[in-house]
Amino acid sequence: MALIISGCITVISAYNTFFDNKGMWIAYNNALNEIYKLKLEISFAEKQGVPVDDKTIESFKNQYQDILDKVNNKWTESKSK
């Protein structure tokens, strides 16, 4: 019985280490907050009447891509442990 319980504990521990649910939840939550911030910046720029030229669009796109890159790097980092 003790062997079965210790085997189950090992499997559960490996699952938690591999999937890193807490760390990824934090990373996704941070990314969501940054996306909300970017959305607010875009809405604020629209309401202020800021001209939406190619430079502004490129800036918003780059900010969005940076958010995605951070989350992807965190995911890659958690899987390489």
PDB file of N, CA and C in Angstrom:
ATOM      1  N   MET A   1       0.826  -1.192   0.000  1.00  0.00           N
ATOM      2  CA  MET A   1       0.000   0.000   0.000  1.00  0.00           C
ATOM      3  C   MET A   1       0.870   1.254   0.000  1.00  0.00           C
ATOM      4  N   ALA A   2       1.921   1.251   0.795  1.00  0.00           N
ATOM      5  CA  ALA A   2       2.812   2.406   0.865  1.00  0.00           C
ATOM      6  C   ALA A   2       3.496   2.643  -0.487  1.00  0.00           C
ATOM      7  N   LEU A   3       3.810   1.574  -1.186  1.00  0.00           N
ATOM      8  CA  LEU A   3       4.439   1.694  -2.500  1.00  0.00           C
ATOM      9  C   LEU A   3       3.485   2.348  -3.500  1.00  0.00           C
ATOM     10  N   ILE A   4       2.238   1.976  -3.450  1.00  0.00           N
ATOM     11  CA  ILE A   4       1.235   2.562  -4.352  1.00  0.00           C
ATOM     12  C   ILE A   4       1.045   4.048  -4.044  1.00  0.00           C
ATOM     13  N   ILE A   5       0.959   4.396  -2.780  1.00  0.00           N
ATOM     14  CA  ILE A   5       0.780   5.797  -2.383  1.00  0.00           C
ATOM     15  C   ILE A   5       1.994   6.625  -2.789  1.00  0.00           C
ATOM     16  N   SER A   6       3.186   6.119  -2.560  1.00  0.00           N
ATOM     17  CA  SER A   6       4.380   6.880  -2.944  1.00  0.00           C
ATOM     18  C   SER A   6       4.476   7.014  -4.460  1.00  0.00           C
ATOM     19  N   GLY A   7       4.030   6.008  -5.203  1.00  0.00           N
ATOM     20  CA  GLY A   7       3.999   6.104  -6.666  1.00  0.00           C
ATOM     21  C   GLY A   7       3.022   7.174  -7.125  1.00  0.00           C
ATOM     22  N   CYS A   8       1.848   7.242  -6.487  1.00  0.00           N
ATOM     23  CA  CYS A   8       0.858   8.275  -6.826  1.00  0.00           C
ATOM     24  C   CYS A   8       1.387   9.664  -6.512  1.00  0.00           C
ATOM     25  N   ILE A   9       2.044   9.800  -5.394  1.00  0.00           N
ATOM     26  CA  ILE A   9       2.619  11.094  -5.018  1.00  0.00           C
ATOM     27  C   ILE A   9       3.667  11.523  -6.047  1.00  0.00           C
ATOM     28  N   THR A  10       4.470  10.587  -6.509  1.00  0.00           N
ATOM     29  CA  THR A  10       5.480  10.887  -7.511  1.00  0.00           C
ATOM     30  C   THR A  10       4.840  11.355  -8.815  1.00  0.00           C
ATOM     31  N   VAL A  11       3.792  10.681  -9.245  1.00  0.00           N
ATOM     32  CA  VAL A  11       3.100  11.058 -10.479  1.00  0.00           C
ATOM     33  C   VAL A  11       2.479  12.445 -10.339  1.00  0.00           C
ATOM     34  N   ILE A  12       1.831  12.722  -9.220  1.00  0.00           N
ATOM     35  CA  ILE A  12       1.202  14.026  -8.992  1.00  0.00           C
ATOM     36  C   ILE A  12       2.265  15.120  -8.945  1.00  0.00           C
ATOM     37  N   SER A  13       3.362  14.847  -8.295  1.00  0.00           N
ATOM     38  CA  SER A  13       4.444  15.832  -8.217  1.00  0.00           C
ATOM     39  C   SER A  13       5.025  16.124  -9.601  1.00  0.00           C
ATOM     40  N   ALA A  14       5.201  15.089 -10.401  1.00  0.00           N
ATOM     41  CA  ALA A  14       5.717  15.283 -11.762  1.00  0.00           C
ATOM     42  C   ALA A  14       4.724  16.080 -12.597  1.00  0.00           C
ATOM     43  N   TYR A  15       3.445  15.808 -12.435  1.00  0.00           N
ATOM     44  CA  TYR A  15       2.394  16.558 -13.147  1.00  0.00           C
ATOM     45  C   TYR A  15       2.460  18.039 -12.793  1.00  0.00           C
ATOM     46  N   ASN A  16       2.531  18.339 -11.507  1.00  0.00           N
ATOM     47  CA  ASN A  16       2.587  19.735 -11.064  1.00  0.00           C
ATOM     48  C   ASN A  16       3.839  20.436 -11.561  1.00  0.00           C
ATOM     49  N   THR A  17       4.954  19.747 -11.575  1.00  0.00           N
ATOM     50  CA  THR A  17       6.194  20.343 -12.050  1.00  0.00           C
ATOM     51  C   THR A  17       6.140  20.589 -13.550  1.00  0.00           C
ATOM     52  N   PHE A  18       5.615  19.638 -14.297  1.00  0.00           N
ATOM     53  CA  PHE A  18       5.586  19.779 -15.752  1.00  0.00           C
ATOM     54  C   PHE A  18       4.626  20.875 -16.199  1.00  0.00           C
ATOM     55  N   PHE A  19       3.434  20.904 -15.652  1.00  0.00           N
ATOM     56  CA  PHE A  19       2.434  21.860 -16.109  1.00  0.00           C
ATOM     57  C   PHE A  19       2.528  23.213 -15.420  1.00  0.00           C
ATOM     58  N   ASP A  20       3.134  23.298 -14.256  1.00  0.00           N
ATOM     59  CA  ASP A  20       3.352  24.556 -13.538  1.00  0.00           C
ATOM     60  C   ASP A  20       2.110  25.446 -13.591  1.00  0.00           C
ATOM     61  N   ASN A  21       0.994  24.907 -13.141  1.00  0.00           N
ATOM     62  CA  ASN A  21      -0.285  25.609 -13.240  1.00  0.00           C
ATOM     63  C   ASN A  21      -0.262  26.982 -12.579  1.00  0.00           C
ATOM     64  N   LYS A  22       0.309  27.072 -11.402  1.00  0.00           N
ATOM     65  CA  LYS A  22       0.319  28.346 -10.689  1.00  0.00           C
ATOM     66  C   LYS A  22       1.153  29.381 -11.430  1.00  0.00           C
ATOM     67  N   GLY A  23       2.341  29.005 -11.861  1.00  0.00           N
ATOM     68  CA  GLY A  23       3.209  29.942 -12.582  1.00  0.00           C
ATOM     69  C   GLY A  23       2.601  30.410 -13.880  1.00  0.00           C
ATOM     70  N   MET A  24       1.969  29.491 -14.615  1.00  0.00           N
ATOM     71  CA  MET A  24       1.348  29.880 -15.884  1.00  0.00           C
ATOM     72  C   MET A  24       0.103  30.707 -15.642  1.00  0.00           C
ATOM     73  N   TRP A  25      -0.634  30.427 -14.582  1.00  0.00           N
ATOM     74  CA  TRP A  25      -1.803  31.237 -14.260  1.00  0.00           C
ATOM     75  C   TRP A  25      -1.381  32.675 -14.001  1.00  0.00           C
ATOM     76  N   ILE A  26      -0.297  32.845 -13.264  1.00  0.00           N
ATOM     77  CA  ILE A  26       0.216  34.187 -12.976  1.00  0.00           C
ATOM     78  C   ILE A  26       0.663  34.867 -14.262  1.00  0.00           C
ATOM     79  N   ALA A  27       1.370  34.139 -15.130  1.00  0.00           N
ATOM     80  CA  ALA A  27       1.830  34.710 -16.396  1.00  0.00           C
ATOM     81  C   ALA A  27       0.657  35.122 -17.278  1.00  0.00           C
ATOM     82  N   TYR A  28      -0.360  34.265 -17.372  1.00  0.00           N
ATOM     83  CA  TYR A  28      -1.537  34.593 -18.182  1.00  0.00           C
ATOM     84  C   TYR A  28      -2.310  35.768 -17.583  1.00  0.00           C
ATOM     85  N   ASN A  29      -2.396  35.820 -16.271  1.00  0.00           N
ATOM     86  CA  ASN A  29      -3.080  36.928 -15.620  1.00  0.00           C
ATOM     87  C   ASN A  29      -2.350  38.247 -15.878  1.00  0.00           C
ATOM     88  N   ASN A  30      -1.021  38.226 -15.795  1.00  0.00           N
ATOM     89  CA  ASN A  30      -0.232  39.420 -16.097  1.00  0.00           C
ATOM     90  C   ASN A  30      -0.424  39.842 -17.548  1.00  0.00           C
ATOM     91  N   ALA A  31      -0.430  38.881 -18.454  1.00  0.00           N
ATOM     92  CA  ALA A  31      -0.630  39.191 -19.873  1.00  0.00           C
ATOM     93  C   ALA A  31      -2.013  39.794 -20.095  1.00  0.00           C
ATOM     94  N   LEU A  32      -3.018  39.248 -19.440  1.00  0.00           N
ATOM     95  CA  LEU A  32      -4.361  39.784 -19.584  1.00  0.00           C
ATOM     96  C   LEU A  32      -4.428  41.226 -19.087  1.00  0.00           C
ATOM     97  N   ASN A  33      -3.785  41.502 -17.963  1.00  0.00           N
ATOM     98  CA  ASN A  33      -3.755  42.870 -17.448  1.00  0.00           C
ATOM     99  C   ASN A  33      -3.047  43.808 -18.416  1.00  0.00           C
ATOM    100  N   GLU A  34      -1.967  43.355 -19.030  1.00  0.00           N
ATOM    101  CA  GLU A  34      -1.256  44.186 -20.004  1.00  0.00           C
ATOM    102  C   GLU A  34      -2.103  44.412 -21.257  1.00  0.00           C
ATOM    103  N   ILE A  35      -2.874  43.410 -21.662  1.00  0.00           N
ATOM    104  CA  ILE A  35      -3.763  43.571 -22.815  1.00  0.00           C
ATOM    105  C   ILE A  35      -4.877  44.560 -22.487  1.00  0.00           C
ATOM    106  N   TYR A  36      -5.428  44.493 -21.279  1.00  0.00           N
ATOM    107  CA  TYR A  36      -6.426  45.476 -20.864  1.00  0.00           C
ATOM    108  C   TYR A  36      -5.829  46.889 -20.891  1.00  0.00           C
ATOM    109  N   LYS A  37      -4.585  47.006 -20.420  1.00  0.00           N
ATOM    110  CA  LYS A  37      -3.909  48.303 -20.430  1.00  0.00           C
ATOM    111  C   LYS A  37      -3.753  48.814 -21.859  1.00  0.00           C
ATOM    112  N   LEU A  38      -3.338  47.942 -22.771  1.00  0.00           N
ATOM    113  CA  LEU A  38      -3.188  48.326 -24.170  1.00  0.00           C
ATOM    114  C   LEU A  38      -4.535  48.728 -24.767  1.00  0.00           C
ATOM    115  N   LYS A  39      -5.573  47.986 -24.446  1.00  0.00           N
ATOM    116  CA  LYS A  39      -6.917  48.314 -24.935  1.00  0.00           C
ATOM    117  C   LYS A  39      -7.347  49.684 -24.433  1.00  0.00           C
ATOM    118  N   LEU A  40      -7.051  49.978 -23.169  1.00  0.00           N
ATOM    119  CA  LEU A  40      -7.374  51.280 -22.610  1.00  0.00           C
ATOM    120  C   LEU A  40      -6.607  52.388 -23.330  1.00  0.00           C
ATOM    121  N   GLU A  41      -5.332  52.155 -23.612  1.00  0.00           N
ATOM    122  CA  GLU A  41      -4.534  53.141 -24.343  1.00  0.00           C
ATOM    123  C   GLU A  41      -5.120  53.406 -25.728  1.00  0.00           C
ATOM    124  N   ILE A  42      -5.548  52.346 -26.401  1.00  0.00           N
ATOM    125  CA  ILE A  42      -6.141  52.499 -27.738  1.00  0.00           C
ATOM    126  C   ILE A  42      -7.453  53.276 -27.637  1.00  0.00           C
ATOM    127  N   SER A  43      -8.293  52.919 -26.679  1.00  0.00           N
ATOM    128  CA  SER A  43      -9.565  53.633 -26.496  1.00  0.00           C
ATOM    129  C   SER A  43      -9.332  55.097 -26.156  1.00  0.00           C
ATOM    130  N   PHE A  44      -8.358  55.349 -25.289  1.00  0.00           N
ATOM    131  CA  PHE A  44      -8.056  56.718 -24.895  1.00  0.00           C
ATOM    132  C   PHE A  44      -7.553  57.519 -26.095  1.00  0.00           C
ATOM    133  N   ALA A  45      -6.711  56.913 -26.905  1.00  0.00           N
ATOM    134  CA  ALA A  45      -6.205  57.595 -28.098  1.00  0.00           C
ATOM    135  C   ALA A  45      -7.336  57.912 -29.066  1.00  0.00           C
ATOM    136  N   GLU A  46      -8.282  56.987 -29.219  1.00  0.00           N
ATOM    137  CA  GLU A  46      -9.438  57.233 -30.088  1.00  0.00           C
ATOM    138  C   GLU A  46     -10.285  58.393 -29.569  1.00  0.00           C
ATOM    139  N   LYS A  47     -10.528  58.414 -28.264  1.00  0.00           N
ATOM    140  CA  LYS A  47     -11.360  59.468 -27.690  1.00  0.00           C
ATOM    141  C   LYS A  47     -10.657  60.821 -27.724  1.00  0.00           C
ATOM    142  N   GLN A  48      -9.341  60.819 -27.655  1.00  0.00           N
ATOM    143  CA  GLN A  48      -8.577  62.061 -27.720  1.00  0.00           C
ATOM    144  C   GLN A  48      -8.476  62.583 -29.148  1.00  0.00           C
ATOM    145  N   GLY A  49      -8.847  61.757 -30.098  1.00  0.00           N
ATOM    146  CA  GLY A  49      -8.770  62.166 -31.494  1.00  0.00           C
ATOM    147  C   GLY A  49      -7.361  62.078 -32.068  1.00  0.00           C
ATOM    148  N   VAL A  50      -6.535  61.239 -31.463  1.00  0.00           N
ATOM    149  CA  VAL A  50      -5.175  61.041 -31.965  1.00  0.00           C
ATOM    150  C   VAL A  50      -5.274  60.419 -33.355  1.00  0.00           C
ATOM    151  N   PRO A  51      -4.596  61.017 -34.324  1.00  0.00           N
ATOM    152  CA  PRO A  51      -4.678  60.443 -35.672  1.00  0.00           C
ATOM    153  C   PRO A  51      -4.106  59.024 -35.704  1.00  0.00           C
ATOM    154  N   VAL A  52      -4.849  58.130 -36.311  1.00  0.00           N
ATOM    155  CA  VAL A  52      -4.426  56.735 -36.389  1.00  0.00           C
ATOM    156  C   VAL A  52      -3.679  56.550 -37.699  1.00  0.00           C
ATOM    157  N   ASP A  53      -2.387  56.777 -37.612  1.00  0.00           N
ATOM    158  CA  ASP A  53      -1.544  56.604 -38.790  1.00  0.00           C
ATOM    159  C   ASP A  53      -0.791  55.285 -38.681  1.00  0.00           C
ATOM    160  N   ASP A  54       0.009  54.996 -39.668  1.00  0.00           N
ATOM    161  CA  ASP A  54       0.747  53.727 -39.671  1.00  0.00           C
ATOM    162  C   ASP A  54       1.696  53.604 -38.490  1.00  0.00           C
ATOM    163  N   LYS A  55       2.272  54.719 -38.066  1.00  0.00           N
ATOM    164  CA  LYS A  55       3.212  54.694 -36.944  1.00  0.00           C
ATOM    165  C   LYS A  55       2.495  54.307 -35.646  1.00  0.00           C
ATOM    166  N   THR A  56       1.300  54.856 -35.425  1.00  0.00           N
ATOM    167  CA  THR A  56       0.523  54.543 -34.223  1.00  0.00           C
ATOM    168  C   THR A  56       0.081  53.084 -34.224  1.00  0.00           C
ATOM    169  N   ILE A  57      -0.395  52.633 -35.358  1.00  0.00           N
ATOM    170  CA  ILE A  57      -0.821  51.238 -35.474  1.00  0.00           C
ATOM    171  C   ILE A  57       0.358  50.303 -35.237  1.00  0.00           C
ATOM    172  N   GLU A  58       1.496  50.632 -35.799  1.00  0.00           N
ATOM    173  CA  GLU A  58       2.707  49.811 -35.611  1.00  0.00           C
ATOM    174  C   GLU A  58       3.116  49.777 -34.141  1.00  0.00           C
ATOM    175  N   SER A  59       2.983  50.907 -33.451  1.00  0.00           N
ATOM    176  CA  SER A  59       3.319  50.976 -32.027  1.00  0.00           C
ATOM    177  C   SER A  59       2.412  50.057 -31.208  1.00  0.00           C
ATOM    178  N   PHE A  60       1.099  50.118 -31.473  1.00  0.00           N
ATOM    179  CA  PHE A  60       0.164  49.249 -30.755  1.00  0.00           C
ATOM    180  C   PHE A  60       0.430  47.780 -31.074  1.00  0.00           C
ATOM    181  N   LYS A  61       0.727  47.490 -32.326  1.00  0.00           N
ATOM    182  CA  LYS A  61       1.031  46.110 -32.729  1.00  0.00           C
ATOM    183  C   LYS A  61       2.269  45.603 -32.003  1.00  0.00           C
ATOM    184  N   ASN A  62       3.299  46.447 -31.913  1.00  0.00           N
ATOM    185  CA  ASN A  62       4.539  46.046 -31.237  1.00  0.00           C
ATOM    186  C   ASN A  62       4.311  45.807 -29.753  1.00  0.00           C
ATOM    187  N   GLN A  63       3.487  46.638 -29.120  1.00  0.00           N
ATOM    188  CA  GLN A  63       3.171  46.426 -27.706  1.00  0.00           C
ATOM    189  C   GLN A  63       2.448  45.093 -27.508  1.00  0.00           C
ATOM    190  N   TYR A  64       1.504  44.812 -28.388  1.00  0.00           N
ATOM    191  CA  TYR A  64       0.764  43.553 -28.309  1.00  0.00           C
ATOM    192  C   TYR A  64       1.693  42.359 -28.510  1.00  0.00           C
ATOM    193  N   GLN A  65       2.584  42.460 -29.491  1.00  0.00           N
ATOM    194  CA  GLN A  65       3.522  41.372 -29.755  1.00  0.00           C
ATOM    195  C   GLN A  65       4.471  41.167 -28.577  1.00  0.00           C
ATOM    196  N   ASP A  66       4.877  42.252 -27.914  1.00  0.00           N
ATOM    197  CA  ASP A  66       5.738  42.134 -26.729  1.00  0.00           C
ATOM    198  C   ASP A  66       5.033  41.364 -25.611  1.00  0.00           C
ATOM    199  N   ILE A  67       3.738  41.624 -25.437  1.00  0.00           N
ATOM    200  CA  ILE A  67       2.963  40.906 -24.420  1.00  0.00           C
ATOM    201  C   ILE A  67       2.946  39.415 -24.732  1.00  0.00           C
ATOM    202  N   LEU A  68       2.661  39.085 -25.987  1.00  0.00           N
ATOM    203  CA  LEU A  68       2.624  37.676 -26.382  1.00  0.00           C
ATOM    204  C   LEU A  68       3.995  37.019 -26.247  1.00  0.00           C
ATOM    205  N   ASP A  69       5.043  37.756 -26.596  1.00  0.00           N
ATOM    206  CA  ASP A  69       6.396  37.205 -26.476  1.00  0.00           C
ATOM    207  C   ASP A  69       6.754  36.904 -25.027  1.00  0.00           C
ATOM    208  N   LYS A  70       6.357  37.782 -24.096  1.00  0.00           N
ATOM    209  CA  LYS A  70       6.641  37.543 -22.681  1.00  0.00           C
ATOM    210  C   LYS A  70       5.963  36.267 -22.190  1.00  0.00           C
ATOM    211  N   VAL A  71       4.694  36.097 -22.575  1.00  0.00           N
ATOM    212  CA  VAL A  71       3.964  34.891 -22.150  1.00  0.00           C
ATOM    213  C   VAL A  71       4.590  33.650 -22.769  1.00  0.00           C
ATOM    214  N   ASN A  72       4.946  33.741 -24.038  1.00  0.00           N
ATOM    215  CA  ASN A  72       5.569  32.601 -24.708  1.00  0.00           C
ATOM    216  C   ASN A  72       6.910  32.259 -24.073  1.00  0.00           C
ATOM    217  N   ASN A  73       7.685  33.266 -23.721  1.00  0.00           N
ATOM    218  CA  ASN A  73       8.975  33.013 -23.064  1.00  0.00           C
ATOM    219  C   ASN A  73       8.776  32.354 -21.702  1.00  0.00           C
ATOM    220  N   LYS A  74       7.760  32.796 -20.969  1.00  0.00           N
ATOM    221  CA  LYS A  74       7.475  32.192 -19.663  1.00  0.00           C
ATOM    222  C   LYS A  74       7.069  30.728 -19.840  1.00  0.00           C
ATOM    223  N   TRP A  75       6.235  30.458 -20.859  1.00  0.00           N
ATOM    224  CA  TRP A  75       5.810  29.088 -21.116  1.00  0.00           C
ATOM    225  C   TRP A  75       7.013  28.230 -21.487  1.00  0.00           C
ATOM    226  N   THR A  76       7.862  28.734 -22.371  1.00  0.00           N
ATOM    227  CA  THR A  76       9.051  27.994 -22.793  1.00  0.00           C
ATOM    228  C   THR A  76       9.981  27.751 -21.609  1.00  0.00           C
ATOM    229  N   GLU A  77      10.133  28.766 -20.770  1.00  0.00           N
ATOM    230  CA  GLU A  77      10.987  28.644 -19.592  1.00  0.00           C
ATOM    231  C   GLU A  77      10.442  27.579 -18.640  1.00  0.00           C
ATOM    232  N   SER A  78       9.124  27.559 -18.455  1.00  0.00           N
ATOM    233  CA  SER A  78       8.546  26.582 -17.527  1.00  0.00           C
ATOM    234  C   SER A  78       8.660  25.156 -18.066  1.00  0.00           C
ATOM    235  N   LYS A  79       8.665  24.993 -19.373  1.00  0.00           N
ATOM    236  CA  LYS A  79       8.775  23.660 -19.962  1.00  0.00           C
ATOM    237  C   LYS A  79      10.207  23.168 -20.070  1.00  0.00           C
ATOM    238  N   SER A  80      11.168  24.084 -19.981  1.00  0.00           N
ATOM    239  CA  SER A  80      12.559  23.674 -20.122  1.00  0.00           C
ATOM    240  C   SER A  80      13.203  23.303 -18.784  1.00  0.00           C
ATOM    241  N   LYS A  81      12.447  23.405 -17.705  1.00  0.00           N
ATOM    242  CA  LYS A  81      12.991  23.064 -16.375  1.00  0.00           C
ATOM    243  C   LYS A  81      13.116  21.569 -16.233  1.00  0.00           C
TER     244      LYS A  81
END
